[in-house]
Amino acid sequence: MTDSKAAMFHEIDEQVKSKLAMKRGVKKRIKVILEKLARRICYRILNASRVHLKHYNGSSALGADEFGRDIADGVSKYLELLRRRGLRINTFIVLGSRAKGSWKPTSDVDVTIIGNNLPEEEENSAIKKILGIQNPWLQAPRSLCLGIEPSGCCSKQEFLRRVEKFDIQALDALCYGVVFYDDGFWQEARQKLHRMEIDYGFENAELKKKLLHV
């Protein structure tokens, strides 16, 4: 293994270790429990069922939620909402367990949005995140109650910089992400990753193995 490849994989391993530790932490467990409760309250009491989503029939790549709704249909409606709000989107990707096929009905929906007029992400309390008020521009209507979690949203230039810095969320998007919309940028991003494979001397399969459980 070359020194550059070893240094790259070390950086990735450290990020993966930190991410997994965060997922197993008490704060994350509490957040997940509260989010599940919030979705149920939203769906049952606030009558989210009036928002029509297709019933999951087993063929959707992203699976179903705990109410039997097709997540892919819900994500499509969320994307339409963002466009109506005037966001100029280059690429829209679904990540995490939904993209990797390891989802559960209660799994949230991790998404990354790449565009040129996105609002800046802000650090907010867990309560604000659960209530969906940390960034109203990127939030689905609460009536959808899909558990959509937008993160890592940025411009095309910033996304390419994150790839160069071995950011595991950007790399995970390139290795496993399900692209819901793209204006051609994703090919540029994939070419960037391919050049890195040549420069650092690694194979895509090696990278995917390291990112499998992120």
N, C-alpha and C. Protein backbone atom coordinates (compact mmCIF):
# COMPACT_ATOMS: atom_id res chain seq x y z
N MET A 1 0.84 -1.19 0.00
CA MET A 1 0.00 0.00 0.00
C MET A 1 0.88 1.25 0.00
N THR A 2 0.61 2.17 -0.90
CA THR A 2 1.38 3.40 -0.96
C THR A 2 1.10 4.27 0.25
N ASP A 3 2.06 5.20 0.53
CA ASP A 3 1.88 6.09 1.68
C ASP A 3 0.63 6.95 1.53
N SER A 4 0.37 7.45 0.30
CA SER A 4 -0.79 8.31 0.09
C SER A 4 -2.09 7.54 0.27
N LYS A 5 -2.11 6.30 -0.20
CA LYS A 5 -3.31 5.47 -0.02
C LYS A 5 -3.52 5.16 1.45
N ALA A 6 -2.43 4.84 2.15
CA ALA A 6 -2.54 4.52 3.58
C ALA A 6 -3.04 5.73 4.36
N ALA A 7 -2.54 6.92 4.02
CA ALA A 7 -2.96 8.13 4.71
C ALA A 7 -4.44 8.42 4.44
N MET A 8 -4.87 8.20 3.21
CA MET A 8 -6.27 8.42 2.84
C MET A 8 -7.18 7.47 3.62
N PHE A 9 -6.85 6.19 3.62
CA PHE A 9 -7.69 5.21 4.30
C PHE A 9 -7.67 5.42 5.81
N HIS A 10 -6.54 5.90 6.33
CA HIS A 10 -6.49 6.20 7.77
C HIS A 10 -7.48 7.31 8.10
N GLU A 11 -7.49 8.36 7.28
CA GLU A 11 -8.42 9.48 7.50
C GLU A 11 -9.86 9.00 7.41
N ILE A 12 -10.15 8.15 6.44
CA ILE A 12 -11.51 7.62 6.29
C ILE A 12 -11.88 6.74 7.48
N ASP A 13 -10.96 5.88 7.90
CA ASP A 13 -11.22 4.99 9.04
C ASP A 13 -11.53 5.78 10.31
N GLU A 14 -10.82 6.88 10.53
CA GLU A 14 -11.04 7.71 11.71
C GLU A 14 -12.43 8.36 11.66
N GLN A 15 -12.82 8.82 10.48
CA GLN A 15 -14.15 9.42 10.35
C GLN A 15 -15.25 8.38 10.56
N VAL A 16 -15.05 7.19 10.01
CA VAL A 16 -16.04 6.12 10.16
C VAL A 16 -16.16 5.73 11.63
N LYS A 17 -15.03 5.61 12.33
CA LYS A 17 -15.03 5.26 13.75
C LYS A 17 -15.80 6.30 14.55
N SER A 18 -15.56 7.58 14.25
CA SER A 18 -16.25 8.65 14.96
C SER A 18 -17.75 8.64 14.67
N LYS A 19 -18.09 8.39 13.42
CA LYS A 19 -19.51 8.35 13.03
C LYS A 19 -20.24 7.21 13.71
N LEU A 20 -19.65 6.04 13.75
CA LEU A 20 -20.28 4.88 14.37
C LEU A 20 -20.41 5.07 15.88
N ALA A 21 -19.41 5.71 16.49
CA ALA A 21 -19.48 5.98 17.92
C ALA A 21 -20.63 6.93 18.22
N MET A 22 -20.82 7.91 17.35
CA MET A 22 -21.93 8.85 17.53
C MET A 22 -23.27 8.14 17.39
N LYS A 23 -23.37 7.23 16.42
CA LYS A 23 -24.62 6.50 16.22
C LYS A 23 -24.98 5.64 17.42
N ARG A 24 -23.96 5.12 18.10
CA ARG A 24 -24.21 4.24 19.25
C ARG A 24 -24.38 5.01 20.54
N GLY A 25 -24.16 6.31 20.50
CA GLY A 25 -24.21 7.13 21.71
C GLY A 25 -25.62 7.32 22.25
N VAL A 26 -25.68 7.71 23.52
CA VAL A 26 -26.96 7.90 24.20
C VAL A 26 -27.77 9.02 23.56
N LYS A 27 -27.11 10.12 23.21
CA LYS A 27 -27.80 11.26 22.61
C LYS A 27 -28.49 10.86 21.31
N LYS A 28 -27.80 10.07 20.51
CA LYS A 28 -28.38 9.62 19.25
C LYS A 28 -29.57 8.71 19.50
N ARG A 29 -29.47 7.82 20.46
CA ARG A 29 -30.58 6.91 20.76
C ARG A 29 -31.81 7.68 21.21
N ILE A 30 -31.60 8.67 22.07
CA ILE A 30 -32.72 9.48 22.53
C ILE A 30 -33.34 10.25 21.37
N LYS A 31 -32.50 10.80 20.51
CA LYS A 31 -32.98 11.56 19.36
C LYS A 31 -33.83 10.68 18.44
N VAL A 32 -33.38 9.45 18.20
CA VAL A 32 -34.12 8.53 17.34
C VAL A 32 -35.49 8.21 17.94
N ILE A 33 -35.53 7.96 19.25
CA ILE A 33 -36.79 7.65 19.93
C ILE A 33 -37.76 8.83 19.81
N LEU A 34 -37.26 10.04 20.05
CA LEU A 34 -38.10 11.23 19.98
C LEU A 34 -38.59 11.49 18.56
N GLU A 35 -37.73 11.24 17.59
CA GLU A 35 -38.13 11.44 16.19
C GLU A 35 -39.24 10.46 15.79
N LYS A 36 -39.12 9.22 16.22
CA LYS A 36 -40.16 8.23 15.92
C LYS A 36 -41.49 8.65 16.55
N LEU A 37 -41.41 9.10 17.79
CA LEU A 37 -42.61 9.54 18.49
C LEU A 37 -43.23 10.75 17.79
N ALA A 38 -42.38 11.69 17.38
CA ALA A 38 -42.87 12.89 16.70
C ALA A 38 -43.56 12.53 15.38
N ARG A 39 -43.01 11.57 14.64
CA ARG A 39 -43.63 11.16 13.37
C ARG A 39 -45.00 10.55 13.60
N ARG A 40 -45.10 9.73 14.65
CA ARG A 40 -46.39 9.08 14.93
C ARG A 40 -47.44 10.10 15.35
N ILE A 41 -47.02 11.06 16.19
CA ILE A 41 -47.95 12.10 16.62
C ILE A 41 -48.39 12.93 15.42
N CYS A 42 -47.43 13.27 14.59
CA CYS A 42 -47.72 14.06 13.39
C CYS A 42 -48.69 13.33 12.48
N TYR A 43 -48.46 12.04 12.30
CA TYR A 43 -49.29 11.25 11.38
C TYR A 43 -50.69 11.02 11.95
N ARG A 44 -50.76 10.66 13.22
CA ARG A 44 -52.06 10.29 13.80
C ARG A 44 -52.89 11.51 14.21
N ILE A 45 -52.27 12.41 14.96
CA ILE A 45 -53.03 13.52 15.52
C ILE A 45 -53.20 14.66 14.52
N LEU A 46 -52.14 14.99 13.79
CA LEU A 46 -52.21 16.09 12.83
C LEU A 46 -52.74 15.63 11.48
N ASN A 47 -53.16 14.38 11.40
CA ASN A 47 -53.82 13.86 10.21
C ASN A 47 -52.95 13.94 8.96
N ALA A 48 -51.71 13.45 9.10
CA ALA A 48 -50.81 13.44 7.96
C ALA A 48 -51.30 12.50 6.86
N SER A 49 -52.18 11.58 7.22
CA SER A 49 -52.65 10.62 6.23
C SER A 49 -53.41 11.28 5.08
N ARG A 50 -53.82 12.52 5.25
CA ARG A 50 -54.54 13.19 4.17
C ARG A 50 -53.63 13.55 3.00
N VAL A 51 -52.30 13.57 3.25
CA VAL A 51 -51.35 13.75 2.17
C VAL A 51 -51.17 12.42 1.48
N HIS A 52 -51.61 12.32 0.24
CA HIS A 52 -51.63 11.03 -0.44
C HIS A 52 -50.24 10.64 -0.92
N LEU A 53 -49.77 9.51 -0.42
CA LEU A 53 -48.56 8.89 -0.92
C LEU A 53 -48.89 7.48 -1.34
N LYS A 54 -48.19 6.99 -2.33
CA LYS A 54 -48.43 5.63 -2.81
C LYS A 54 -48.19 4.63 -1.71
N HIS A 55 -48.94 3.54 -1.75
CA HIS A 55 -48.71 2.44 -0.81
C HIS A 55 -47.53 1.61 -1.31
N TYR A 56 -46.66 1.23 -0.42
CA TYR A 56 -45.48 0.45 -0.78
C TYR A 56 -45.90 -0.94 -1.26
N ASN A 57 -45.44 -1.31 -2.46
CA ASN A 57 -45.81 -2.61 -3.02
C ASN A 57 -44.63 -3.57 -3.14
N GLY A 58 -43.49 -3.19 -2.55
CA GLY A 58 -42.33 -4.08 -2.56
C GLY A 58 -41.33 -3.80 -3.66
N SER A 59 -41.66 -2.92 -4.58
CA SER A 59 -40.78 -2.68 -5.72
C SER A 59 -39.91 -1.43 -5.58
N SER A 60 -40.26 -0.56 -4.63
CA SER A 60 -39.51 0.69 -4.47
C SER A 60 -38.14 0.42 -3.87
N ALA A 61 -37.13 1.10 -4.40
CA ALA A 61 -35.76 0.90 -3.93
C ALA A 61 -35.53 1.41 -2.52
N LEU A 62 -36.35 2.36 -2.08
CA LEU A 62 -36.13 2.99 -0.77
C LEU A 62 -37.01 2.41 0.33
N GLY A 63 -37.90 1.52 -0.03
CA GLY A 63 -38.72 0.85 0.97
C GLY A 63 -39.91 1.64 1.46
N ALA A 64 -40.43 1.23 2.62
CA ALA A 64 -41.66 1.81 3.18
C ALA A 64 -41.39 2.43 4.54
N ASP A 65 -42.30 3.30 4.96
CA ASP A 65 -42.22 3.79 6.33
C ASP A 65 -43.12 2.95 7.22
N GLU A 66 -43.23 3.34 8.49
CA GLU A 66 -44.01 2.53 9.44
C GLU A 66 -45.50 2.58 9.17
N PHE A 67 -45.93 3.45 8.26
CA PHE A 67 -47.34 3.55 7.92
C PHE A 67 -47.65 2.89 6.58
N GLY A 68 -46.66 2.18 6.02
CA GLY A 68 -46.86 1.46 4.76
C GLY A 68 -46.76 2.32 3.52
N ARG A 69 -46.26 3.54 3.66
CA ARG A 69 -46.16 4.44 2.52
C ARG A 69 -44.84 4.26 1.77
N ASP A 70 -44.89 4.52 0.48
CA ASP A 70 -43.72 4.38 -0.38
C ASP A 70 -42.79 5.58 -0.17
N ILE A 71 -41.59 5.33 0.35
CA ILE A 71 -40.65 6.40 0.63
C ILE A 71 -40.23 7.11 -0.64
N ALA A 72 -40.03 6.38 -1.71
CA ALA A 72 -39.61 7.00 -2.97
C ALA A 72 -40.63 8.03 -3.46
N ASP A 73 -41.89 7.71 -3.30
CA ASP A 73 -42.94 8.66 -3.70
C ASP A 73 -42.90 9.90 -2.81
N GLY A 74 -42.67 9.69 -1.52
CA GLY A 74 -42.58 10.82 -0.60
C GLY A 74 -41.38 11.70 -0.90
N VAL A 75 -40.25 11.09 -1.24
CA VAL A 75 -39.06 11.86 -1.58
C VAL A 75 -39.28 12.67 -2.85
N SER A 76 -39.98 12.08 -3.81
CA SER A 76 -40.30 12.81 -5.05
C SER A 76 -41.14 14.05 -4.76
N LYS A 77 -42.09 13.91 -3.84
CA LYS A 77 -42.94 15.06 -3.47
C LYS A 77 -42.13 16.11 -2.72
N TYR A 78 -41.18 15.66 -1.91
CA TYR A 78 -40.30 16.59 -1.20
C TYR A 78 -39.45 17.38 -2.19
N LEU A 79 -38.93 16.69 -3.20
CA LEU A 79 -38.14 17.35 -4.24
C LEU A 79 -38.96 18.39 -4.99
N GLU A 80 -40.21 18.05 -5.28
CA GLU A 80 -41.10 19.01 -5.95
C GLU A 80 -41.30 20.24 -5.08
N LEU A 81 -41.44 20.03 -3.76
CA LEU A 81 -41.62 21.14 -2.83
C LEU A 81 -40.43 22.09 -2.88
N LEU A 82 -39.22 21.55 -2.86
CA LEU A 82 -38.03 22.38 -2.89
C LEU A 82 -37.95 23.20 -4.17
N ARG A 83 -38.34 22.59 -5.27
CA ARG A 83 -38.33 23.33 -6.54
C ARG A 83 -39.34 24.46 -6.52
N ARG A 84 -40.52 24.21 -5.93
CA ARG A 84 -41.53 25.27 -5.85
C ARG A 84 -41.05 26.42 -4.98
N ARG A 85 -40.18 26.11 -4.03
CA ARG A 85 -39.63 27.15 -3.17
C ARG A 85 -38.50 27.92 -3.85
N GLY A 86 -38.17 27.54 -5.07
CA GLY A 86 -37.19 28.29 -5.84
C GLY A 86 -35.76 27.83 -5.71
N LEU A 87 -35.52 26.68 -5.08
CA LEU A 87 -34.15 26.20 -4.97
C LEU A 87 -33.66 25.68 -6.32
N ARG A 88 -32.47 26.10 -6.72
CA ARG A 88 -31.88 25.65 -7.98
C ARG A 88 -30.98 24.46 -7.68
N ILE A 89 -31.51 23.29 -7.90
CA ILE A 89 -30.85 22.05 -7.51
C ILE A 89 -30.08 21.46 -8.68
N ASN A 90 -28.82 21.07 -8.39
CA ASN A 90 -28.02 20.36 -9.39
C ASN A 90 -28.17 18.85 -9.25
N THR A 91 -28.08 18.38 -8.02
CA THR A 91 -28.18 16.94 -7.76
C THR A 91 -28.86 16.72 -6.42
N PHE A 92 -29.72 15.69 -6.37
CA PHE A 92 -30.44 15.33 -5.15
C PHE A 92 -30.21 13.85 -4.92
N ILE A 93 -29.61 13.50 -3.76
CA ILE A 93 -29.22 12.12 -3.50
C ILE A 93 -29.79 11.63 -2.17
N VAL A 94 -30.25 10.39 -2.15
CA VAL A 94 -30.65 9.73 -0.91
C VAL A 94 -29.51 8.84 -0.45
N LEU A 95 -29.18 8.92 0.84
CA LEU A 95 -28.05 8.18 1.40
C LEU A 95 -28.52 7.21 2.49
N GLY A 96 -27.54 6.66 3.20
CA GLY A 96 -27.81 5.88 4.39
C GLY A 96 -28.48 4.54 4.14
N SER A 97 -29.19 4.07 5.15
CA SER A 97 -29.79 2.73 5.08
C SER A 97 -30.82 2.63 3.96
N ARG A 98 -31.51 3.72 3.67
CA ARG A 98 -32.50 3.70 2.59
C ARG A 98 -31.84 3.41 1.25
N ALA A 99 -30.66 3.98 1.03
CA ALA A 99 -29.95 3.78 -0.23
C ALA A 99 -29.26 2.41 -0.28
N LYS A 100 -28.82 1.93 0.89
CA LYS A 100 -28.05 0.69 0.94
C LYS A 100 -28.92 -0.55 1.07
N GLY A 101 -30.22 -0.36 1.23
CA GLY A 101 -31.11 -1.51 1.33
C GLY A 101 -31.17 -2.14 2.70
N SER A 102 -30.59 -1.48 3.71
CA SER A 102 -30.61 -2.02 5.07
C SER A 102 -31.62 -1.29 5.94
N TRP A 103 -32.59 -0.65 5.32
CA TRP A 103 -33.59 0.17 6.03
C TRP A 103 -34.56 -0.68 6.85
N LYS A 104 -35.12 -0.01 7.84
CA LYS A 104 -36.25 -0.54 8.60
C LYS A 104 -37.41 0.43 8.36
N PRO A 105 -38.64 0.02 8.61
CA PRO A 105 -39.77 0.94 8.39
C PRO A 105 -39.64 2.25 9.16
N THR A 106 -38.94 2.22 10.30
CA THR A 106 -38.79 3.44 11.10
C THR A 106 -37.52 4.22 10.76
N SER A 107 -36.76 3.76 9.79
CA SER A 107 -35.52 4.46 9.42
C SER A 107 -35.84 5.85 8.87
N ASP A 108 -34.97 6.82 9.21
CA ASP A 108 -35.16 8.13 8.62
C ASP A 108 -34.63 8.12 7.18
N VAL A 109 -34.76 9.25 6.51
CA VAL A 109 -34.37 9.35 5.10
C VAL A 109 -33.28 10.41 4.99
N ASP A 110 -32.04 9.97 4.87
CA ASP A 110 -30.92 10.90 4.77
C ASP A 110 -30.78 11.38 3.33
N VAL A 111 -30.73 12.69 3.14
CA VAL A 111 -30.58 13.24 1.80
C VAL A 111 -29.50 14.31 1.79
N THR A 112 -28.82 14.41 0.66
CA THR A 112 -27.89 15.51 0.41
C THR A 112 -28.35 16.22 -0.85
N ILE A 113 -28.37 17.55 -0.76
CA ILE A 113 -28.83 18.37 -1.88
C ILE A 113 -27.67 19.25 -2.33
N ILE A 114 -27.36 19.22 -3.60
CA ILE A 114 -26.29 20.03 -4.17
C ILE A 114 -26.93 21.08 -5.08
N GLY A 115 -26.66 22.35 -4.80
CA GLY A 115 -27.27 23.41 -5.58
C GLY A 115 -26.51 24.71 -5.42
N ASN A 116 -26.94 25.74 -6.11
CA ASN A 116 -26.19 27.00 -6.08
C ASN A 116 -26.89 28.12 -5.34
N ASN A 117 -28.02 27.87 -4.72
CA ASN A 117 -28.66 28.91 -3.90
C ASN A 117 -29.26 28.32 -2.64
N LEU A 118 -28.56 27.33 -2.06
CA LEU A 118 -29.05 26.68 -0.86
C LEU A 118 -28.78 27.54 0.37
N PRO A 119 -29.70 27.54 1.33
CA PRO A 119 -29.44 28.26 2.58
C PRO A 119 -28.36 27.56 3.38
N GLU A 120 -27.61 28.32 4.15
CA GLU A 120 -26.55 27.73 4.96
C GLU A 120 -27.15 26.88 6.07
N GLU A 121 -26.48 25.74 6.33
CA GLU A 121 -26.92 24.90 7.42
C GLU A 121 -26.49 25.52 8.74
N GLU A 122 -27.32 25.37 9.74
CA GLU A 122 -27.03 25.94 11.04
C GLU A 122 -27.06 24.85 12.11
N GLU A 123 -26.27 25.09 13.16
CA GLU A 123 -26.29 24.18 14.30
C GLU A 123 -27.48 24.55 15.18
N ASN A 124 -28.33 23.59 15.46
CA ASN A 124 -29.50 23.86 16.30
C ASN A 124 -29.69 22.73 17.29
N SER A 125 -30.56 22.96 18.23
CA SER A 125 -30.83 21.95 19.25
C SER A 125 -31.54 20.76 18.64
N ALA A 126 -31.43 19.62 19.34
CA ALA A 126 -32.10 18.40 18.87
C ALA A 126 -33.60 18.60 18.78
N ILE A 127 -34.16 19.37 19.70
CA ILE A 127 -35.60 19.61 19.70
C ILE A 127 -36.02 20.34 18.43
N LYS A 128 -35.26 21.35 18.04
CA LYS A 128 -35.57 22.08 16.81
C LYS A 128 -35.48 21.15 15.60
N LYS A 129 -34.48 20.28 15.59
CA LYS A 129 -34.34 19.36 14.47
C LYS A 129 -35.52 18.41 14.40
N ILE A 130 -35.94 17.92 15.55
CA ILE A 130 -37.07 16.99 15.59
C ILE A 130 -38.34 17.67 15.10
N LEU A 131 -38.52 18.92 15.49
CA LEU A 131 -39.72 19.65 15.09
C LEU A 131 -39.64 20.15 13.65
N GLY A 132 -38.45 20.03 13.06
CA GLY A 132 -38.31 20.41 11.66
C GLY A 132 -38.29 21.90 11.44
N ILE A 133 -37.75 22.67 12.39
CA ILE A 133 -37.75 24.12 12.23
C ILE A 133 -36.34 24.69 12.17
N GLN A 134 -35.31 23.82 12.03
CA GLN A 134 -33.96 24.36 11.99
C GLN A 134 -33.66 25.04 10.68
N ASN A 135 -34.34 24.65 9.62
CA ASN A 135 -34.13 25.30 8.34
C ASN A 135 -35.37 25.07 7.49
N PRO A 136 -36.34 25.98 7.55
CA PRO A 136 -37.61 25.74 6.86
C PRO A 136 -37.47 25.58 5.36
N TRP A 137 -36.40 26.12 4.79
CA TRP A 137 -36.23 26.00 3.33
C TRP A 137 -35.97 24.55 2.90
N LEU A 138 -35.35 23.77 3.78
CA LEU A 138 -35.01 22.40 3.41
C LEU A 138 -35.91 21.37 4.07
N GLN A 139 -36.96 21.82 4.74
CA GLN A 139 -37.83 20.88 5.43
C GLN A 139 -39.03 20.49 4.60
N ALA A 140 -39.35 19.22 4.64
CA ALA A 140 -40.61 18.77 4.04
C ALA A 140 -41.74 19.28 4.92
N PRO A 141 -42.95 19.44 4.37
CA PRO A 141 -44.08 19.80 5.24
C PRO A 141 -44.21 18.77 6.35
N ARG A 142 -44.50 19.20 7.53
CA ARG A 142 -44.60 18.25 8.63
C ARG A 142 -45.69 17.22 8.37
N SER A 143 -46.64 17.55 7.49
CA SER A 143 -47.70 16.60 7.20
C SER A 143 -47.20 15.36 6.48
N LEU A 144 -46.05 15.45 5.84
CA LEU A 144 -45.49 14.26 5.19
C LEU A 144 -44.96 13.27 6.21
N CYS A 145 -44.33 13.78 7.27
CA CYS A 145 -43.83 12.93 8.35
C CYS A 145 -43.00 11.76 7.84
N LEU A 146 -42.04 12.05 7.00
CA LEU A 146 -41.22 11.00 6.41
C LEU A 146 -39.88 10.82 7.11
N GLY A 147 -39.56 11.71 8.04
CA GLY A 147 -38.26 11.63 8.69
C GLY A 147 -37.12 12.01 7.77
N ILE A 148 -37.37 12.93 6.84
CA ILE A 148 -36.32 13.36 5.92
C ILE A 148 -35.29 14.19 6.67
N GLU A 149 -34.02 13.82 6.52
CA GLU A 149 -32.93 14.50 7.21
C GLU A 149 -31.94 15.06 6.20
N PRO A 150 -32.09 16.32 5.78
CA PRO A 150 -31.13 16.91 4.86
C PRO A 150 -29.84 17.30 5.58
N SER A 151 -28.70 16.86 5.07
CA SER A 151 -27.42 17.22 5.67
C SER A 151 -26.33 17.17 4.59
N GLY A 152 -25.25 17.87 4.84
CA GLY A 152 -24.18 17.91 3.85
C GLY A 152 -24.57 18.65 2.60
N CYS A 153 -25.61 19.48 2.67
CA CYS A 153 -26.10 20.21 1.50
C CYS A 153 -25.14 21.35 1.18
N CYS A 154 -24.80 21.51 -0.10
CA CYS A 154 -23.76 22.47 -0.45
C CYS A 154 -23.78 22.75 -1.95
N SER A 155 -22.86 23.62 -2.37
CA SER A 155 -22.70 23.93 -3.79
C SER A 155 -21.89 22.83 -4.48
N LYS A 156 -21.85 22.88 -5.81
CA LYS A 156 -21.05 21.92 -6.57
C LYS A 156 -19.58 22.01 -6.18
N GLN A 157 -19.07 23.24 -6.08
CA GLN A 157 -17.67 23.43 -5.76
C GLN A 157 -17.32 22.89 -4.38
N GLU A 158 -18.21 23.14 -3.41
CA GLU A 158 -17.97 22.65 -2.06
C GLU A 158 -18.02 21.13 -2.01
N PHE A 159 -18.93 20.52 -2.75
CA PHE A 159 -19.01 19.06 -2.75
C PHE A 159 -17.72 18.45 -3.29
N LEU A 160 -17.18 19.01 -4.37
CA LEU A 160 -15.94 18.50 -4.94
C LEU A 160 -14.78 18.68 -3.96
N ARG A 161 -14.78 19.78 -3.21
CA ARG A 161 -13.75 19.98 -2.19
C ARG A 161 -13.87 18.93 -1.09
N ARG A 162 -15.08 18.59 -0.74
CA ARG A 162 -15.29 17.57 0.30
C ARG A 162 -14.79 16.20 -0.17
N VAL A 163 -14.99 15.92 -1.44
CA VAL A 163 -14.48 14.66 -1.98
C VAL A 163 -12.95 14.64 -1.89
N GLU A 164 -12.32 15.75 -2.25
CA GLU A 164 -10.86 15.86 -2.19
C GLU A 164 -10.33 15.66 -0.77
N LYS A 165 -11.12 16.09 0.21
CA LYS A 165 -10.71 15.99 1.62
C LYS A 165 -11.12 14.66 2.24
N PHE A 166 -11.62 13.73 1.43
CA PHE A 166 -12.03 12.40 1.89
C PHE A 166 -13.18 12.45 2.87
N ASP A 167 -14.06 13.44 2.74
CA ASP A 167 -15.23 13.52 3.60
C ASP A 167 -16.11 12.30 3.36
N ILE A 168 -16.40 11.55 4.42
CA ILE A 168 -17.07 10.26 4.22
C ILE A 168 -18.51 10.40 3.74
N GLN A 169 -19.17 11.51 4.06
CA GLN A 169 -20.54 11.68 3.58
C GLN A 169 -20.55 11.89 2.06
N ALA A 170 -19.60 12.69 1.57
CA ALA A 170 -19.50 12.91 0.13
C ALA A 170 -19.10 11.62 -0.59
N LEU A 171 -18.15 10.89 -0.01
CA LEU A 171 -17.71 9.63 -0.62
C LEU A 171 -18.83 8.59 -0.59
N ASP A 172 -19.57 8.56 0.51
CA ASP A 172 -20.68 7.62 0.64
C ASP A 172 -21.75 7.91 -0.42
N ALA A 173 -21.98 9.20 -0.67
CA ALA A 173 -22.95 9.58 -1.70
C ALA A 173 -22.53 9.06 -3.07
N LEU A 174 -21.24 9.15 -3.36
CA LEU A 174 -20.74 8.70 -4.66
C LEU A 174 -20.74 7.17 -4.77
N CYS A 175 -20.50 6.49 -3.66
CA CYS A 175 -20.43 5.02 -3.70
C CYS A 175 -21.79 4.35 -3.61
N TYR A 176 -22.69 4.90 -2.80
CA TYR A 176 -23.95 4.22 -2.52
C TYR A 176 -25.21 5.05 -2.80
N GLY A 177 -25.05 6.34 -3.00
CA GLY A 177 -26.21 7.20 -3.11
C GLY A 177 -27.16 6.87 -4.24
N VAL A 178 -28.45 7.06 -3.98
CA VAL A 178 -29.49 6.91 -5.01
C VAL A 178 -29.83 8.31 -5.51
N VAL A 179 -29.54 8.56 -6.77
CA VAL A 179 -29.74 9.89 -7.35
C VAL A 179 -31.20 10.03 -7.79
N PHE A 180 -31.89 11.04 -7.22
CA PHE A 180 -33.28 11.29 -7.59
C PHE A 180 -33.39 12.37 -8.66
N TYR A 181 -32.41 13.24 -8.69
CA TYR A 181 -32.40 14.26 -9.74
C TYR A 181 -30.95 14.68 -9.99
N ASP A 182 -30.63 14.93 -11.25
CA ASP A 182 -29.28 15.38 -11.58
C ASP A 182 -29.32 16.14 -12.90
N ASP A 183 -28.60 17.26 -12.95
CA ASP A 183 -28.55 18.05 -14.17
C ASP A 183 -27.28 17.81 -14.97
N GLY A 184 -26.51 16.79 -14.56
CA GLY A 184 -25.26 16.47 -15.23
C GLY A 184 -24.05 16.58 -14.33
N PHE A 185 -24.22 17.20 -13.18
CA PHE A 185 -23.09 17.38 -12.27
C PHE A 185 -22.56 16.06 -11.73
N TRP A 186 -23.44 15.10 -11.51
CA TRP A 186 -23.01 13.85 -10.86
C TRP A 186 -21.94 13.13 -11.66
N GLN A 187 -21.98 13.23 -12.97
CA GLN A 187 -20.95 12.63 -13.80
C GLN A 187 -19.59 13.29 -13.52
N GLU A 188 -19.60 14.61 -13.36
CA GLU A 188 -18.37 15.32 -13.00
C GLU A 188 -17.83 14.86 -11.66
N ALA A 189 -18.72 14.67 -10.69
CA ALA A 189 -18.30 14.22 -9.36
C ALA A 189 -17.73 12.81 -9.41
N ARG A 190 -18.36 11.94 -10.19
CA ARG A 190 -17.87 10.57 -10.31
C ARG A 190 -16.52 10.52 -11.02
N GLN A 191 -16.33 11.39 -11.98
CA GLN A 191 -15.03 11.48 -12.65
C GLN A 191 -13.95 11.93 -11.67
N LYS A 192 -14.33 12.84 -10.77
CA LYS A 192 -13.40 13.28 -9.73
C LYS A 192 -12.96 12.10 -8.86
N LEU A 193 -13.92 11.28 -8.45
CA LEU A 193 -13.59 10.11 -7.64
C LEU A 193 -12.73 9.14 -8.42
N HIS A 194 -13.02 8.96 -9.70
CA HIS A 194 -12.22 8.04 -10.51
C HIS A 194 -10.77 8.51 -10.62
N ARG A 195 -10.56 9.81 -10.76
CA ARG A 195 -9.19 10.34 -10.81
C ARG A 195 -8.47 10.10 -9.49
N MET A 196 -9.21 10.20 -8.40
CA MET A 196 -8.61 9.92 -7.09
C MET A 196 -8.24 8.45 -6.95
N GLU A 197 -9.05 7.57 -7.50
CA GLU A 197 -8.73 6.15 -7.48
C GLU A 197 -7.39 5.89 -8.17
N ILE A 198 -7.17 6.59 -9.27
CA ILE A 198 -5.90 6.43 -10.00
C ILE A 198 -4.75 7.06 -9.23
N ASP A 199 -4.96 8.27 -8.72
CA ASP A 199 -3.88 8.99 -8.02
C ASP A 199 -3.46 8.30 -6.74
N TYR A 200 -4.44 7.75 -6.00
CA TYR A 200 -4.13 7.14 -4.70
C TYR A 200 -3.97 5.62 -4.78
N GLY A 201 -4.30 5.05 -5.92
CA GLY A 201 -4.08 3.62 -6.12
C GLY A 201 -5.02 2.71 -5.36
N PHE A 202 -6.30 3.10 -5.27
CA PHE A 202 -7.27 2.22 -4.61
C PHE A 202 -8.40 1.87 -5.58
N GLU A 203 -9.16 0.85 -5.24
CA GLU A 203 -10.29 0.44 -6.05
C GLU A 203 -11.59 0.84 -5.37
N ASN A 204 -12.61 1.07 -6.20
CA ASN A 204 -13.90 1.49 -5.66
C ASN A 204 -14.45 0.49 -4.66
N ALA A 205 -14.22 -0.80 -4.91
CA ALA A 205 -14.73 -1.85 -4.01
C ALA A 205 -14.11 -1.72 -2.62
N GLU A 206 -12.84 -1.31 -2.54
CA GLU A 206 -12.19 -1.12 -1.24
C GLU A 206 -12.86 0.00 -0.47
N LEU A 207 -13.15 1.09 -1.16
CA LEU A 207 -13.78 2.23 -0.52
C LEU A 207 -15.19 1.90 -0.06
N LYS A 208 -15.94 1.20 -0.91
CA LYS A 208 -17.31 0.84 -0.56
C LYS A 208 -17.36 -0.04 0.68
N LYS A 209 -16.39 -0.93 0.81
CA LYS A 209 -16.34 -1.81 1.97
C LYS A 209 -16.18 -1.02 3.26
N LYS A 210 -15.34 0.02 3.22
CA LYS A 210 -15.11 0.84 4.40
C LYS A 210 -16.33 1.67 4.77
N LEU A 211 -17.12 2.03 3.77
CA LEU A 211 -18.27 2.91 4.00
C LEU A 211 -19.60 2.17 4.18
N LEU A 212 -19.56 0.85 4.12
CA LEU A 212 -20.78 0.06 4.11
C LEU A 212 -21.68 0.33 5.31
N HIS A 213 -21.11 0.49 6.48
CA HIS A 213 -21.92 0.59 7.71
C HIS A 213 -22.05 2.02 8.22
N VAL A 214 -21.65 2.99 7.41
CA VAL A 214 -21.78 4.39 7.82
C VAL A 214 -23.24 4.78 7.82
